[in-house]
Amino acid sequence: MRPPPKAGGAFCVLSPKPVHWRHMELLAKLFGSSARLKTLRLFVFNQEAAFTLAEVAQRTKLSKPAARREVAELLSSGLLRKRGGQAIGRYQANPRFEHLAALDTFIRETTSVRPQDILARLKRVGSLRLVALSGFFTGILEPKIDLLVVGDNLEERSLVLVVRSLEAELGREIRYASFATQDFRYRLGVYDRLLRDVFDYPHRLLIDKIGL
């Protein structure tokens, strides 16, 4: 699928074939805002999972009313299906949705976070010595972590908040590990399995003040 031209919060692809009005309405429902995109990413990237409204709000960092509104729109479009009763209902991507595979491909190809944005957020967690991206960020899922952070006086709570904000934008769990500089040097020296799992696969160093 060709990437669409940039045009505000929505997109339009010119087609040589007539476009049915129902399809136009469907696209309008699917892509309308950043809240819609966050909700889409959550369900499209986690098709086997079912979420309550509270879980959708928590994972996307949306207010509960906003999450309820977005889920209702996606439910009416047919992209989602509801499981369970009214009180404890859960929502999940509908495997019978006609455009699910194409939507999955499009969202995966257009979902990214700029490295400088990641660093800008991480700078608040402590004195960074090394930041490495692997796994999901490099398109190689074999590594067990996606983000490695090494530094001094790292604030774990702040790091968790940064990771959660990235998860809300990307619509999926970010596997991460953090180490104090001294601990990292020791683990590197004994060929720690977790570190090998990062550095033996394609990875990207955003900061390297250790000299790898």
Protein backbone atom coordinates (compact mmCIF):
# COMPACT_ATOMS: atom_id res chain seq x y z
CA MET A 1 0.00 0.00 0.00
CA ARG A 2 1.40 3.36 -1.00
CA PRO A 3 1.99 5.84 1.82
CA PRO A 4 -0.60 8.62 1.65
CA PRO A 5 0.22 12.29 1.19
CA LYS A 6 0.37 14.29 4.41
CA ALA A 7 -2.82 16.23 4.99
CA GLY A 8 -3.65 17.24 8.53
CA GLY A 9 -4.90 14.41 10.72
CA ALA A 10 -6.46 12.38 7.90
CA PHE A 11 -5.30 11.01 4.59
CA CYS A 12 -6.58 10.54 1.08
CA VAL A 13 -5.37 8.13 -1.60
CA LEU A 14 -6.41 8.80 -5.17
CA SER A 15 -7.87 5.74 -6.82
CA PRO A 16 -8.60 5.08 -10.51
CA LYS A 17 -11.75 3.22 -9.46
CA PRO A 18 -14.95 4.82 -8.14
CA VAL A 19 -15.05 4.88 -4.36
CA HIS A 20 -18.31 3.77 -2.80
CA TRP A 21 -19.78 6.31 -0.35
CA ARG A 22 -19.91 3.66 2.36
CA HIS A 23 -16.12 3.28 2.10
CA MET A 24 -15.69 7.03 2.45
CA GLU A 25 -17.80 7.02 5.61
CA LEU A 26 -15.76 4.12 6.91
CA LEU A 27 -12.47 5.96 6.41
CA ALA A 28 -13.88 9.05 8.09
CA LYS A 29 -14.74 6.97 11.14
CA LEU A 30 -11.39 5.19 11.24
CA PHE A 31 -9.14 8.25 10.94
CA GLY A 32 -10.30 11.38 12.66
CA SER A 33 -7.93 12.40 15.45
CA SER A 34 -4.85 11.46 17.45
CA ALA A 35 -7.20 9.80 19.95
CA ARG A 36 -8.60 7.67 17.14
CA LEU A 37 -5.14 6.72 15.94
CA LYS A 38 -3.99 5.72 19.44
CA THR A 39 -7.08 3.56 19.84
CA LEU A 40 -6.60 2.00 16.42
CA ARG A 41 -2.98 1.16 17.16
CA LEU A 42 -3.92 -0.48 20.44
CA PHE A 43 -6.42 -2.85 18.85
CA VAL A 44 -4.62 -3.46 15.54
CA PHE A 45 -1.27 -4.21 17.21
CA ASN A 46 -2.90 -6.46 19.84
CA GLN A 47 -5.48 -8.35 17.82
CA GLU A 48 -5.56 -11.36 20.14
CA ALA A 49 -6.25 -9.25 23.23
CA ALA A 50 -9.59 -7.93 24.51
CA PHE A 51 -9.75 -4.74 26.58
CA THR A 52 -12.29 -3.14 28.87
CA LEU A 53 -13.02 0.57 28.44
CA ALA A 54 -10.92 1.28 31.53
CA GLU A 55 -7.99 -0.64 30.04
CA VAL A 56 -8.32 1.20 26.74
CA ALA A 57 -8.18 4.53 28.59
CA GLN A 58 -5.16 3.40 30.60
CA ARG A 59 -3.21 2.01 27.65
CA THR A 60 -3.89 4.98 25.36
CA LYS A 61 -3.62 7.69 28.05
CA LEU A 62 -7.04 9.00 27.05
CA SER A 63 -9.77 10.14 29.40
CA LYS A 64 -12.50 7.57 30.00
CA PRO A 65 -15.12 9.60 28.08
CA ALA A 66 -12.71 9.93 25.12
CA ALA A 67 -11.89 6.21 25.18
CA ARG A 68 -15.61 5.36 25.34
CA ARG A 69 -16.31 7.63 22.36
CA GLU A 70 -13.50 6.18 20.22
CA VAL A 71 -14.44 2.58 21.02
CA ALA A 72 -18.07 3.30 20.14
CA GLU A 73 -17.06 4.72 16.75
CA LEU A 74 -14.78 1.79 15.94
CA LEU A 75 -17.46 -0.63 17.10
CA SER A 76 -20.00 0.97 14.75
CA SER A 77 -17.51 0.79 11.86
CA GLY A 78 -17.19 -2.96 12.35
CA LEU A 79 -13.50 -2.89 13.21
CA LEU A 80 -14.18 -3.95 16.81
CA ARG A 81 -16.39 -6.59 18.30
CA LYS A 82 -17.71 -6.74 21.85
CA ARG A 83 -17.29 -9.74 24.10
CA GLY A 84 -19.00 -10.38 27.41
CA GLY A 85 -21.93 -8.64 29.06
CA GLN A 86 -22.80 -4.98 29.23
CA ALA A 87 -21.25 -4.43 32.68
CA ILE A 88 -17.90 -6.11 32.06
CA GLY A 89 -17.76 -6.05 28.30
CA ARG A 90 -14.43 -6.30 26.54
CA TYR A 91 -13.57 -5.11 23.06
CA GLN A 92 -11.33 -6.75 20.50
CA ALA A 93 -10.33 -6.33 16.86
CA ASN A 94 -12.87 -8.06 14.66
CA PRO A 95 -11.03 -10.69 12.58
CA ARG A 96 -13.84 -10.57 10.02
CA PHE A 97 -13.40 -6.86 9.37
CA GLU A 98 -12.87 -6.59 5.62
CA HIS A 99 -9.93 -4.15 5.73
CA LEU A 100 -8.16 -5.40 8.87
CA ALA A 101 -5.09 -6.80 7.08
CA ALA A 102 -4.62 -3.68 4.95
CA LEU A 103 -5.14 -1.46 7.98
CA ASP A 104 -2.58 -3.46 9.95
CA THR A 105 0.00 -3.04 7.18
CA PHE A 106 -0.67 0.66 6.77
CA ILE A 107 -0.47 1.47 10.48
CA ARG A 108 2.69 -0.59 10.99
CA GLU A 109 4.40 1.09 8.05
CA THR A 110 3.48 4.58 9.23
CA THR A 111 3.99 4.16 12.99
CA SER A 112 7.26 5.55 14.29
CA VAL A 113 8.74 7.72 17.01
CA ARG A 114 11.70 9.93 16.17
CA PRO A 115 14.90 9.01 18.07
CA GLN A 116 15.33 12.63 19.19
CA ASP A 117 11.87 12.53 20.75
CA ILE A 118 12.78 9.40 22.69
CA LEU A 119 15.97 11.03 23.97
CA ALA A 120 14.16 14.23 24.90
CA ARG A 121 11.80 12.23 27.12
CA LEU A 122 14.54 10.05 28.60
CA LYS A 123 16.72 12.98 29.67
CA ARG A 124 14.42 13.59 32.60
CA VAL A 125 15.10 10.14 34.11
CA GLY A 126 18.77 10.72 35.04
CA SER A 127 22.28 11.09 33.66
CA LEU A 128 22.23 8.95 30.53
CA ARG A 129 25.33 7.03 29.51
CA LEU A 130 23.89 4.70 26.89
CA VAL A 131 20.54 4.31 25.14
CA ALA A 132 20.00 1.49 22.65
CA LEU A 133 16.99 0.57 20.54
CA SER A 134 16.38 -3.01 19.46
CA GLY A 135 13.51 -5.42 18.93
CA PHE A 136 10.35 -3.59 17.89
CA PHE A 137 12.26 -0.40 17.04
CA THR A 138 14.50 -2.22 14.56
CA GLY A 139 11.90 -4.58 13.12
CA ILE A 140 13.68 -7.61 14.60
CA LEU A 141 11.48 -9.22 17.24
CA GLU A 142 13.95 -11.89 18.47
CA PRO A 143 15.56 -9.66 21.14
CA LYS A 144 13.73 -9.79 24.46
CA ILE A 145 13.88 -6.02 24.99
CA ASP A 146 13.16 -3.03 22.77
CA LEU A 147 14.80 -0.29 24.82
CA LEU A 148 18.00 -0.39 26.90
CA VAL A 149 18.82 2.53 29.19
CA VAL A 150 22.09 2.88 31.10
CA GLY A 151 22.97 5.80 33.34
CA ASP A 152 23.62 7.23 36.77
CA ASN A 153 20.98 8.18 39.32
CA LEU A 154 18.22 6.81 37.14
CA GLU A 155 14.72 7.44 38.47
CA GLU A 156 12.82 4.25 37.77
CA ARG A 157 9.42 5.87 38.26
CA SER A 158 10.20 8.54 35.67
CA LEU A 159 11.48 5.88 33.28
CA VAL A 160 8.25 3.93 33.66
CA LEU A 161 6.25 7.06 32.81
CA VAL A 162 8.34 7.62 29.67
CA VAL A 163 7.85 4.02 28.57
CA ARG A 164 4.11 4.22 29.20
CA SER A 165 3.87 7.38 27.11
CA LEU A 166 5.67 5.64 24.25
CA GLU A 167 3.36 2.65 24.58
CA ALA A 168 0.33 4.94 24.35
CA GLU A 169 1.63 6.41 21.10
CA LEU A 170 2.80 3.15 19.55
CA GLY A 171 -0.14 1.05 20.68
CA ARG A 172 1.93 -1.82 22.02
CA GLU A 173 4.01 -2.87 25.01
CA ILE A 174 7.61 -1.68 25.06
CA ARG A 175 9.98 -4.17 26.66
CA TYR A 176 12.79 -2.32 28.39
CA ALA A 177 15.69 -2.74 30.82
CA SER A 178 17.69 -0.19 32.78
CA PHE A 179 21.06 -0.48 34.53
CA ALA A 180 23.36 1.70 36.55
CA THR A 181 26.61 2.29 34.66
CA GLN A 182 28.72 0.13 36.96
CA ASP A 183 26.25 -2.75 36.80
CA PHE A 184 26.12 -2.49 33.02
CA ARG A 185 29.93 -2.62 32.71
CA TYR A 186 30.01 -5.74 34.88
CA ARG A 187 27.26 -7.46 32.90
CA LEU A 188 28.99 -6.53 29.66
CA GLY A 189 32.24 -8.04 30.93
CA VAL A 190 30.65 -11.39 31.80
CA TYR A 191 28.74 -11.57 28.52
CA ASP A 192 25.35 -11.19 30.18
CA ARG A 193 22.68 -13.02 28.17
CA LEU A 194 20.24 -10.10 28.17
CA LEU A 195 22.85 -7.71 26.78
CA ARG A 196 23.96 -10.24 24.17
CA ASP A 197 20.32 -10.48 23.19
CA VAL A 198 20.48 -6.78 22.28
CA PHE A 199 23.94 -6.39 20.80
CA ASP A 200 24.02 -9.67 18.85
CA TYR A 201 21.06 -8.46 16.81
CA PRO A 202 20.56 -5.29 14.76
CA HIS A 203 20.33 -2.36 17.16
CA ARG A 204 20.73 1.39 17.19
CA LEU A 205 22.71 3.40 19.72
CA LEU A 206 21.13 6.78 20.43
CA ILE A 207 23.70 7.63 23.11
CA ASP A 208 27.03 5.91 23.76
CA LYS A 209 29.23 7.58 26.36
CA ILE A 210 30.66 4.24 27.42
CA GLY A 211 32.49 3.50 24.18
CA LEU A 212 31.01 0.28 22.87
